[in-house]
Amino acid sequence: MNLRCVDCDALFPASMMYHCSHCGGILEVVGLGTGTCGEGNERVSAQPTMWRYGSRLPVEDLSYAVSLGEGITPIHAANRLADSFEFEGRLLLKDEAVNPTGSFKDRMLSVAVSRAKELGFEKVVCASSGNAGASAAAYAAKAGMEAVILAPVHTPREKLTQIAAYGPEVRLVEGHYSNSYRIAQQLSKEFGYANMTTTYINPYAVEALKTVGYELYEQLEGWIPDYVFVPVGAGPLLKGIYRGFTEAREVVGILHGDVEKHKDARIPKLIAVQAEGCAPVVKAYESGLDKVSAWGEPYTIASGISDPLIGYEQDGTHTLQFVKASQGFAISVSDDEILQAMRALAVLEGVFAEPTAACSVAAVKKALQAGAIPQSCSVVCMITAHGFKDFKIYQDMEREHRKCIFPSYPHRPF
């Protein structure tokens, strides 16, 4: 296992590095195994978690694996939701909200904390808009490691409450998420914290997201959807799905002992979804640019993707490359469209999603209305986090749409 720069192809030992020392480029993990579990690590690989793909994860000794049961999340057929869009195709929801702390970030932090522990680190730091902070704090607690979480002052209280419950040191930072990102870098450099921030900065965390692609391929029995709609801040989830589908036929074929059966595969078109109030990737895509520029001050209820990429614009550029490589596109949705999607998910499909998670559904509806995707296609929406993460949004909606369920009786009938 090594680290490779995506820009200059320089190779490095698999230490806790965050950028290429030659050109400053993004690092990714290369040279992992081809099996389905590490030799002698049956304890981990036997669990119904993403660690069943153990040898494809960047932890050399799986006895260091820190797991709370992440991955192998369900897929829901969203027929009623599709009918509400007058959509004639197949609509599926990949429900990452059922992960241990309620978001897909658990995949990233399980691997990143495991690798940090394997390399001898005893303390971690994470810049977060909420979900990654909860994951980092939970997995650090499980591993017996110290954790410092840096979050913007406007982070939803529900997310801060969950983070604090795991016992880390929580520091609130003025301004947008990029300020928290910068301070996490400083703490990592000056005090030796392993940086768990879930942009592209930690290559081990990013590598974990391939398991989403593996699972989709395996759960759908090799059937490939036409489109996967992915909420995007910096965008590592989109890259993970791309790489997961690239490797899936081999991984799943080996897992089931039938490589020939799984010899054919393709990459679905990957759709980067952002909020209109913070959409640097969408802006570059719509402008026909290959490079993403930083956004100004974000303004959106989708706090999980409210990332202006200030100082690490290359992350957005890297994500845009995978959008184009898959022949996908980028699309933004308004806060009103997000609210409508949140309500539709809950009322029609029983899925309770935070605003960021509902962006994927809002984008499908918008893309259909604009003719950007055909009526007869197949779509997977990534539901990235649970509605409890931002409960106040639902409380405000409930007050606006409150209905009297029971009439007023002089005596209770029960």
Protein backbone atom coordinates (compact mmCIF):
# COMPACT_ATOMS: atom_id res chain seq x y z
CA MET A 1 0.00 0.00 0.00
CA ASN A 2 1.22 3.48 -0.95
CA LEU A 3 -0.07 7.01 -1.39
CA ARG A 4 -0.09 8.52 -4.87
CA CYS A 5 -0.50 12.14 -5.92
CA VAL A 6 -3.41 12.50 -8.33
CA ASP A 7 -1.64 15.41 -10.08
CA CYS A 8 2.04 14.46 -10.46
CA ASP A 9 1.85 10.68 -9.81
CA ALA A 10 4.51 10.85 -7.08
CA LEU A 11 4.45 7.81 -4.77
CA PHE A 12 4.88 7.95 -0.99
CA PRO A 13 4.89 5.45 1.87
CA ALA A 14 1.48 4.98 3.48
CA SER A 15 2.07 7.34 6.39
CA MET A 16 -0.32 9.99 7.73
CA MET A 17 0.22 12.45 4.86
CA TYR A 18 -2.35 14.95 3.68
CA HIS A 19 -0.90 16.52 0.52
CA CYS A 20 1.81 15.75 -2.02
CA SER A 21 5.13 17.12 -0.76
CA HIS A 22 6.19 17.84 -4.36
CA CYS A 23 3.22 19.71 -5.82
CA GLY A 24 0.66 19.99 -3.02
CA GLY A 25 -1.78 17.73 -4.85
CA ILE A 26 -4.44 15.41 -3.43
CA LEU A 27 -3.23 11.99 -2.30
CA GLU A 28 -5.05 8.71 -2.84
CA VAL A 29 -4.39 5.15 -1.68
CA VAL A 30 -3.01 2.65 -4.21
CA GLY A 31 -1.73 -0.91 -4.07
CA LEU A 32 -4.39 -2.57 -1.92
CA GLY A 33 -5.11 -6.31 -1.99
CA THR A 34 -7.42 -8.18 -4.31
CA GLY A 35 -9.18 -10.48 -1.85
CA THR A 36 -12.18 -9.80 0.33
CA CYS A 37 -10.62 -9.89 3.78
CA GLY A 38 -7.18 -9.63 5.31
CA GLU A 39 -5.37 -12.89 6.02
CA GLY A 40 -6.09 -14.10 9.54
CA ASN A 41 -8.73 -11.44 10.16
CA GLU A 42 -11.89 -13.52 10.06
CA ARG A 43 -13.18 -11.79 13.21
CA VAL A 44 -13.75 -8.58 11.30
CA SER A 45 -14.60 -9.91 7.84
CA ALA A 46 -17.36 -12.15 9.19
CA GLN A 47 -19.34 -9.15 10.44
CA PRO A 48 -22.19 -7.78 8.30
CA THR A 49 -20.42 -4.42 7.88
CA MET A 50 -18.35 -2.72 5.22
CA TRP A 51 -15.32 -4.50 6.71
CA ARG A 52 -16.39 -7.58 4.76
CA TYR A 53 -14.40 -5.83 1.99
CA GLY A 54 -11.42 -5.76 4.35
CA SER A 55 -8.50 -6.18 1.96
CA ARG A 56 -9.79 -3.29 -0.15
CA LEU A 57 -9.63 -0.97 2.87
CA PRO A 58 -6.38 0.78 3.83
CA VAL A 59 -5.71 -0.93 7.16
CA GLU A 60 -2.89 -3.45 6.95
CA ASP A 61 -3.72 -5.33 10.16
CA LEU A 62 -7.48 -5.59 10.60
CA SER A 63 -7.10 -6.27 14.31
CA TYR A 64 -6.83 -2.46 14.47
CA ALA A 65 -10.24 -2.02 12.83
CA VAL A 66 -12.51 0.28 14.84
CA SER A 67 -16.07 -0.62 13.94
CA LEU A 68 -19.51 0.29 15.25
CA GLY A 69 -21.37 -1.66 12.56
CA GLU A 70 -21.13 0.79 9.66
CA GLY A 71 -22.06 0.03 6.07
CA ILE A 72 -24.26 -2.56 4.35
CA THR A 73 -27.02 0.06 4.42
CA PRO A 74 -30.42 -0.67 2.85
CA ILE A 75 -31.84 0.28 -0.51
CA HIS A 76 -35.49 1.33 -0.61
CA ALA A 77 -37.69 1.28 -3.69
CA ALA A 78 -39.33 4.73 -3.75
CA ASN A 79 -42.38 4.00 -5.87
CA ARG A 80 -44.74 6.49 -4.23
CA LEU A 81 -42.14 9.23 -4.49
CA ALA A 82 -41.61 8.40 -8.15
CA ASP A 83 -45.36 8.59 -8.76
CA SER A 84 -45.46 12.04 -7.16
CA PHE A 85 -42.87 13.18 -9.73
CA GLU A 86 -44.82 11.45 -12.53
CA PHE A 87 -41.59 9.54 -13.05
CA GLU A 88 -41.95 6.41 -15.18
CA GLY A 89 -38.55 4.93 -14.34
CA ARG A 90 -37.08 3.18 -11.29
CA LEU A 91 -36.25 5.29 -8.22
CA LEU A 92 -34.18 3.87 -5.35
CA LEU A 93 -32.89 5.36 -2.09
CA LYS A 94 -29.54 4.26 -0.63
CA ASP A 95 -30.18 4.98 3.04
CA GLU A 96 -26.93 5.97 4.76
CA ALA A 97 -28.91 7.45 7.67
CA VAL A 98 -28.94 4.04 9.37
CA ASN A 99 -25.18 4.12 9.97
CA PRO A 100 -24.19 4.14 13.68
CA THR A 101 -24.04 7.92 14.15
CA GLY A 102 -26.61 8.62 11.43
CA SER A 103 -24.58 9.49 8.33
CA PHE A 104 -22.30 8.10 5.61
CA LYS A 105 -19.36 9.76 7.39
CA ASP A 106 -19.18 6.69 9.64
CA ARG A 107 -17.60 4.77 6.78
CA MET A 108 -14.86 7.37 6.48
CA LEU A 109 -14.14 7.73 10.18
CA SER A 110 -14.16 4.00 10.85
CA VAL A 111 -11.30 3.58 8.38
CA ALA A 112 -9.47 6.83 9.17
CA VAL A 113 -9.47 6.21 12.93
CA SER A 114 -8.43 2.59 12.37
CA ARG A 115 -5.48 3.64 10.23
CA ALA A 116 -4.48 6.36 12.72
CA LYS A 117 -4.56 3.81 15.53
CA GLU A 118 -2.49 1.40 13.45
CA LEU A 119 0.10 4.14 12.85
CA GLY A 120 0.34 4.87 16.58
CA PHE A 121 -1.67 8.09 16.91
CA GLU A 122 -3.44 8.75 20.19
CA LYS A 123 -5.37 11.92 19.33
CA VAL A 124 -7.37 13.16 16.36
CA VAL A 125 -8.79 16.44 15.11
CA CYS A 126 -11.70 16.96 12.73
CA ALA A 127 -13.18 20.06 11.11
CA SER A 128 -16.87 19.44 10.63
CA SER A 129 -20.21 21.00 9.81
CA GLY A 130 -21.68 18.37 12.15
CA ASN A 131 -21.87 14.84 10.78
CA ALA A 132 -18.15 14.15 10.46
CA GLY A 133 -17.62 15.58 13.93
CA ALA A 134 -20.11 13.14 15.42
CA SER A 135 -18.46 10.27 13.58
CA ALA A 136 -14.94 11.32 14.55
CA ALA A 137 -15.92 11.71 18.19
CA ALA A 138 -17.73 8.36 18.29
CA TYR A 139 -14.97 6.34 16.65
CA ALA A 140 -12.28 8.07 18.68
CA ALA A 141 -14.23 7.16 21.81
CA LYS A 142 -14.49 3.55 20.66
CA ALA A 143 -10.73 3.51 20.00
CA GLY A 144 -9.84 5.18 23.31
CA MET A 145 -8.33 8.21 21.53
CA GLU A 146 -8.56 11.91 22.35
CA ALA A 147 -10.55 14.03 19.90
CA VAL A 148 -10.89 17.73 19.13
CA ILE A 149 -13.83 18.75 16.95
CA LEU A 150 -13.92 22.15 15.22
CA ALA A 151 -17.33 23.28 14.00
CA PRO A 152 -18.79 26.56 12.73
CA VAL A 153 -20.76 28.50 15.35
CA HIS A 154 -23.93 28.15 13.23
CA THR A 155 -23.78 24.33 13.23
CA PRO A 156 -27.25 22.94 14.09
CA ARG A 157 -27.61 22.43 17.85
CA GLU A 158 -28.73 18.83 17.35
CA LYS A 159 -25.43 18.01 15.68
CA LEU A 160 -23.40 19.77 18.37
CA THR A 161 -25.34 17.92 21.08
CA GLN A 162 -24.56 14.58 19.48
CA ILE A 163 -20.88 15.47 19.07
CA ALA A 164 -20.58 16.52 22.71
CA ALA A 165 -22.22 13.31 23.92
CA TYR A 166 -19.15 11.29 22.87
CA GLY A 167 -16.89 13.37 25.10
CA PRO A 168 -14.48 15.18 22.74
CA GLU A 169 -13.20 18.71 23.11
CA VAL A 170 -15.54 20.86 20.98
CA ARG A 171 -14.41 24.24 19.71
CA LEU A 172 -16.79 26.53 17.83
CA VAL A 173 -15.26 28.64 15.07
CA GLU A 174 -16.58 31.94 13.75
CA GLY A 175 -17.60 32.06 10.10
CA HIS A 176 -17.97 29.35 7.48
CA TYR A 177 -16.68 25.78 7.39
CA SER A 178 -13.42 26.65 5.62
CA ASN A 179 -12.27 28.48 8.76
CA SER A 180 -12.69 25.28 10.80
CA TYR A 181 -10.80 23.40 8.08
CA ARG A 182 -7.83 25.77 8.33
CA ILE A 183 -7.59 25.53 12.14
CA ALA A 184 -7.75 21.72 12.00
CA GLN A 185 -4.76 21.81 9.66
CA GLN A 186 -2.86 23.99 12.14
CA LEU A 187 -3.61 21.72 15.10
CA SER A 188 -2.58 18.67 13.12
CA LYS A 189 0.72 20.25 12.08
CA GLU A 190 1.64 21.87 15.37
CA PHE A 191 0.45 19.31 17.92
CA GLY A 192 0.53 15.99 16.08
CA TYR A 193 -3.18 15.29 15.85
CA ALA A 194 -4.21 12.89 13.09
CA ASN A 195 -6.45 14.97 10.82
CA MET A 196 -9.81 13.26 10.30
CA THR A 197 -11.43 16.06 8.27
CA THR A 198 -13.63 14.46 5.61
CA THR A 199 -12.75 16.46 2.52
CA TYR A 200 -9.97 14.89 0.41
CA ILE A 201 -7.36 15.72 3.06
CA ASN A 202 -7.28 12.24 4.62
CA PRO A 203 -6.71 9.65 1.87
CA TYR A 204 -7.62 6.72 4.14
CA ALA A 205 -11.03 8.21 4.92
CA VAL A 206 -11.77 8.79 1.23
CA GLU A 207 -10.83 5.21 0.36
CA ALA A 208 -13.59 3.90 2.64
CA LEU A 209 -16.27 5.35 0.36
CA LYS A 210 -15.57 2.80 -2.37
CA THR A 211 -17.65 0.44 -0.25
CA VAL A 212 -20.80 2.36 -1.25
CA GLY A 213 -20.17 1.40 -4.87
CA TYR A 214 -19.41 -2.20 -3.90
CA GLU A 215 -22.64 -2.44 -1.92
CA LEU A 216 -24.81 -0.93 -4.63
CA TYR A 217 -23.40 -3.37 -7.16
CA GLU A 218 -23.82 -6.34 -4.83
CA GLN A 219 -27.27 -5.42 -3.53
CA LEU A 220 -28.56 -4.78 -7.05
CA GLU A 221 -27.04 -8.10 -8.18
CA GLY A 222 -24.84 -6.53 -10.84
CA TRP A 223 -27.57 -4.33 -12.29
CA ILE A 224 -26.20 -0.82 -12.86
CA PRO A 225 -28.49 2.21 -12.43
CA ASP A 226 -28.39 4.91 -15.07
CA TYR A 227 -27.83 7.73 -12.57
CA VAL A 228 -26.67 8.18 -8.97
CA PHE A 229 -27.51 11.57 -7.41
CA VAL A 230 -24.98 12.54 -4.74
CA PRO A 231 -25.07 15.56 -2.37
CA VAL A 232 -21.66 17.22 -2.68
CA GLY A 233 -19.59 19.59 -0.56
CA ALA A 234 -15.95 18.80 -1.34
CA GLY A 235 -17.16 15.60 -3.00
CA PRO A 236 -15.29 12.49 -1.80
CA LEU A 237 -18.51 10.44 -1.71
CA LEU A 238 -18.97 10.93 -5.44
CA LYS A 239 -15.40 9.83 -6.11
CA GLY A 240 -15.85 6.84 -3.81
CA ILE A 241 -18.93 5.67 -5.71
CA TYR A 242 -17.08 6.05 -9.01
CA ARG A 243 -14.11 4.00 -7.83
CA GLY A 244 -16.36 1.49 -6.14
CA PHE A 245 -18.21 0.72 -9.36
CA THR A 246 -14.89 0.54 -11.20
CA GLU A 247 -13.72 -2.25 -8.91
CA ALA A 248 -17.08 -3.77 -7.98
CA ARG A 249 -17.29 -6.58 -10.52
CA GLU A 250 -13.95 -8.00 -9.35
CA VAL A 251 -14.60 -7.51 -5.64
CA VAL A 252 -18.12 -8.92 -5.68
CA GLY A 253 -17.13 -11.73 -8.02
CA ILE A 254 -14.38 -12.86 -5.65
CA LEU A 255 -16.66 -12.46 -2.64
CA HIS A 256 -19.24 -14.81 -4.17
CA GLY A 257 -16.69 -17.12 -5.78
CA ASP A 258 -17.92 -16.39 -9.29
CA VAL A 259 -15.83 -13.80 -11.11
CA GLU A 260 -17.25 -14.78 -14.51
CA LYS A 261 -20.80 -14.00 -13.43
CA HIS A 262 -19.73 -10.50 -12.49
CA LYS A 263 -17.44 -9.77 -15.41
CA ASP A 264 -19.60 -7.05 -16.99
CA ALA A 265 -20.12 -3.65 -15.40
CA ARG A 266 -20.21 0.02 -16.20
CA ILE A 267 -20.14 3.29 -14.29
CA PRO A 268 -23.47 5.02 -13.69
CA LYS A 269 -23.70 8.70 -14.53
CA LEU A 270 -22.83 10.54 -11.32
CA ILE A 271 -24.75 13.71 -10.55
CA ALA A 272 -23.17 16.24 -8.16
CA VAL A 273 -25.94 17.98 -6.20
CA GLN A 274 -25.33 21.22 -4.33
CA ALA A 275 -27.47 23.87 -2.65
CA GLU A 276 -27.98 27.10 -4.58
CA GLY A 277 -26.55 29.00 -1.61
CA CYS A 278 -23.20 27.19 -1.87
CA ALA A 279 -22.55 25.64 -5.27
CA PRO A 280 -18.92 26.03 -6.41
CA VAL A 281 -18.85 22.73 -8.33
CA VAL A 282 -22.13 23.48 -10.09
CA LYS A 283 -20.97 26.96 -11.01
CA ALA A 284 -17.82 25.59 -12.66
CA TYR A 285 -19.77 22.87 -14.49
CA GLU A 286 -22.39 25.27 -15.81
CA SER A 287 -19.68 27.71 -16.89
CA GLY A 288 -17.87 24.99 -18.86
CA LEU A 289 -14.77 25.25 -16.67
CA ASP A 290 -12.39 22.47 -15.66
CA LYS A 291 -11.33 24.17 -12.43
CA VAL A 292 -13.54 25.01 -9.46
CA SER A 293 -13.22 28.38 -7.71
CA ALA A 294 -14.07 29.05 -4.08
CA TRP A 295 -17.57 30.23 -3.20
CA GLY A 296 -18.37 33.35 -1.26
CA GLU A 297 -20.37 33.30 1.98
CA PRO A 298 -22.67 30.23 1.99
CA TYR A 299 -26.37 30.66 2.71
CA THR A 300 -28.42 27.44 2.82
CA ILE A 301 -30.26 25.13 5.21
CA ALA A 302 -28.16 22.24 3.83
CA SER A 303 -25.38 22.64 6.39
CA GLY A 304 -23.76 19.32 5.49
CA ILE A 305 -22.67 20.62 2.07
CA SER A 306 -22.25 24.28 2.98
CA ASP A 307 -18.55 24.21 2.07
CA PRO A 308 -17.13 27.17 0.10
CA LEU A 309 -13.82 25.31 -0.52
CA ILE A 310 -11.75 28.37 0.38
CA GLY A 311 -8.09 27.38 0.27
CA TYR A 312 -8.72 23.87 -1.06
CA GLU A 313 -10.51 24.56 -4.32
CA GLN A 314 -8.64 21.61 -5.83
CA ASP A 315 -11.06 19.33 -3.98
CA GLY A 316 -13.95 20.64 -6.04
CA THR A 317 -11.90 20.35 -9.23
CA HIS A 318 -11.07 16.73 -8.42
CA THR A 319 -14.75 15.94 -7.88
CA LEU A 320 -15.72 17.66 -11.13
CA GLN A 321 -13.30 15.36 -12.98
CA PHE A 322 -15.26 12.30 -11.81
CA VAL A 323 -18.58 13.91 -12.70
CA LYS A 324 -17.33 14.40 -16.25
CA ALA A 325 -15.60 11.00 -16.42
CA SER A 326 -18.93 9.33 -15.64
CA GLN A 327 -20.72 11.54 -18.21
CA GLY A 328 -22.80 12.98 -15.42
CA PHE A 329 -23.60 16.60 -14.60
CA ALA A 330 -23.88 19.02 -11.67
CA ILE A 331 -27.10 20.63 -10.48
CA SER A 332 -28.13 22.94 -7.65
CA VAL A 333 -31.42 23.10 -5.72
CA SER A 334 -33.04 25.86 -3.70
CA ASP A 335 -33.84 25.67 0.00
CA ASP A 336 -37.55 25.59 -0.85
CA GLU A 337 -36.98 22.60 -3.13
CA ILE A 338 -35.00 20.90 -0.35
CA LEU A 339 -37.82 21.43 2.16
CA GLN A 340 -40.33 19.97 -0.28
CA ALA A 341 -38.12 16.92 -0.78
CA MET A 342 -37.70 16.42 2.99
CA ARG A 343 -41.46 16.38 3.46
CA ALA A 344 -42.04 14.10 0.46
CA LEU A 345 -39.44 11.59 1.68
CA ALA A 346 -41.07 11.41 5.09
CA VAL A 347 -44.72 11.42 4.02
CA LEU A 348 -44.44 9.16 0.97
CA GLU A 349 -41.56 6.81 1.85
CA GLY A 350 -41.17 6.95 5.63
CA VAL A 351 -37.59 8.20 5.30
CA PHE A 352 -36.52 10.92 7.74
CA ALA A 353 -33.66 12.84 6.10
CA GLU A 354 -31.72 15.95 6.99
CA PRO A 355 -31.73 18.82 4.45
CA THR A 356 -28.43 17.81 2.83
CA ALA A 357 -29.66 14.24 2.36
CA ALA A 358 -32.88 15.41 0.73
CA CYS A 359 -30.97 17.42 -1.86
CA SER A 360 -30.54 14.33 -4.01
CA VAL A 361 -34.31 13.82 -4.23
CA ALA A 362 -34.96 17.51 -4.89
CA ALA A 363 -32.44 17.35 -7.71
CA VAL A 364 -34.12 14.34 -9.35
CA LYS A 365 -37.42 16.20 -9.49
CA LYS A 366 -35.73 19.31 -10.87
CA ALA A 367 -33.74 17.32 -13.45
CA LEU A 368 -36.90 15.56 -14.63
CA GLN A 369 -38.78 18.84 -15.03
CA ALA A 370 -35.86 20.31 -16.98
CA GLY A 371 -35.56 17.25 -19.22
CA ALA A 372 -31.99 16.62 -18.01
CA ILE A 373 -32.78 12.95 -17.41
CA PRO A 374 -35.26 10.77 -19.33
CA GLN A 375 -38.58 9.61 -17.88
CA SER A 376 -37.75 5.95 -18.31
CA CYS A 377 -34.32 5.87 -16.63
CA SER A 378 -33.20 4.29 -13.34
CA VAL A 379 -31.97 6.46 -10.47
CA VAL A 380 -30.36 5.95 -7.07
CA CYS A 381 -30.52 8.84 -4.60
CA MET A 382 -27.93 8.95 -1.83
CA ILE A 383 -29.70 9.70 1.47
CA THR A 384 -26.61 10.78 3.34
CA ALA A 385 -27.82 11.54 6.88
CA HIS A 386 -30.72 11.25 9.32
CA GLY A 387 -33.37 13.89 9.96
CA PHE A 388 -32.55 13.98 13.67
CA LYS A 389 -29.33 15.74 12.67
CA ASP A 390 -31.26 18.96 12.02
CA PHE A 391 -34.49 18.49 13.93
CA LYS A 392 -35.32 22.20 14.16
CA ILE A 393 -36.00 22.32 10.42
CA TYR A 394 -38.76 19.75 10.90
CA GLN A 395 -40.09 21.54 13.96
CA ASP A 396 -40.42 24.73 11.95
CA MET A 397 -42.16 22.85 9.11
CA GLU A 398 -44.52 21.18 11.57
CA ARG A 399 -45.57 24.53 13.04
CA GLU A 400 -46.37 25.81 9.56
CA HIS A 401 -48.39 22.75 8.57
CA ARG A 402 -49.88 21.80 11.96
CA LYS A 403 -53.24 20.07 11.77
CA CYS A 404 -55.75 19.21 14.48
CA ILE A 405 -55.83 15.41 14.58
CA PHE A 406 -58.60 15.02 17.19
CA PRO A 407 -61.57 17.31 17.74
CA SER A 408 -62.05 18.82 21.17
CA TYR A 409 -64.08 16.53 23.45
CA PRO A 410 -65.48 17.47 26.87
CA HIS A 411 -64.35 14.05 28.08
CA ARG A 412 -61.50 11.97 26.68
CA PRO A 413 -62.84 8.91 24.82
CA PHE A 414 -59.84 6.87 25.94
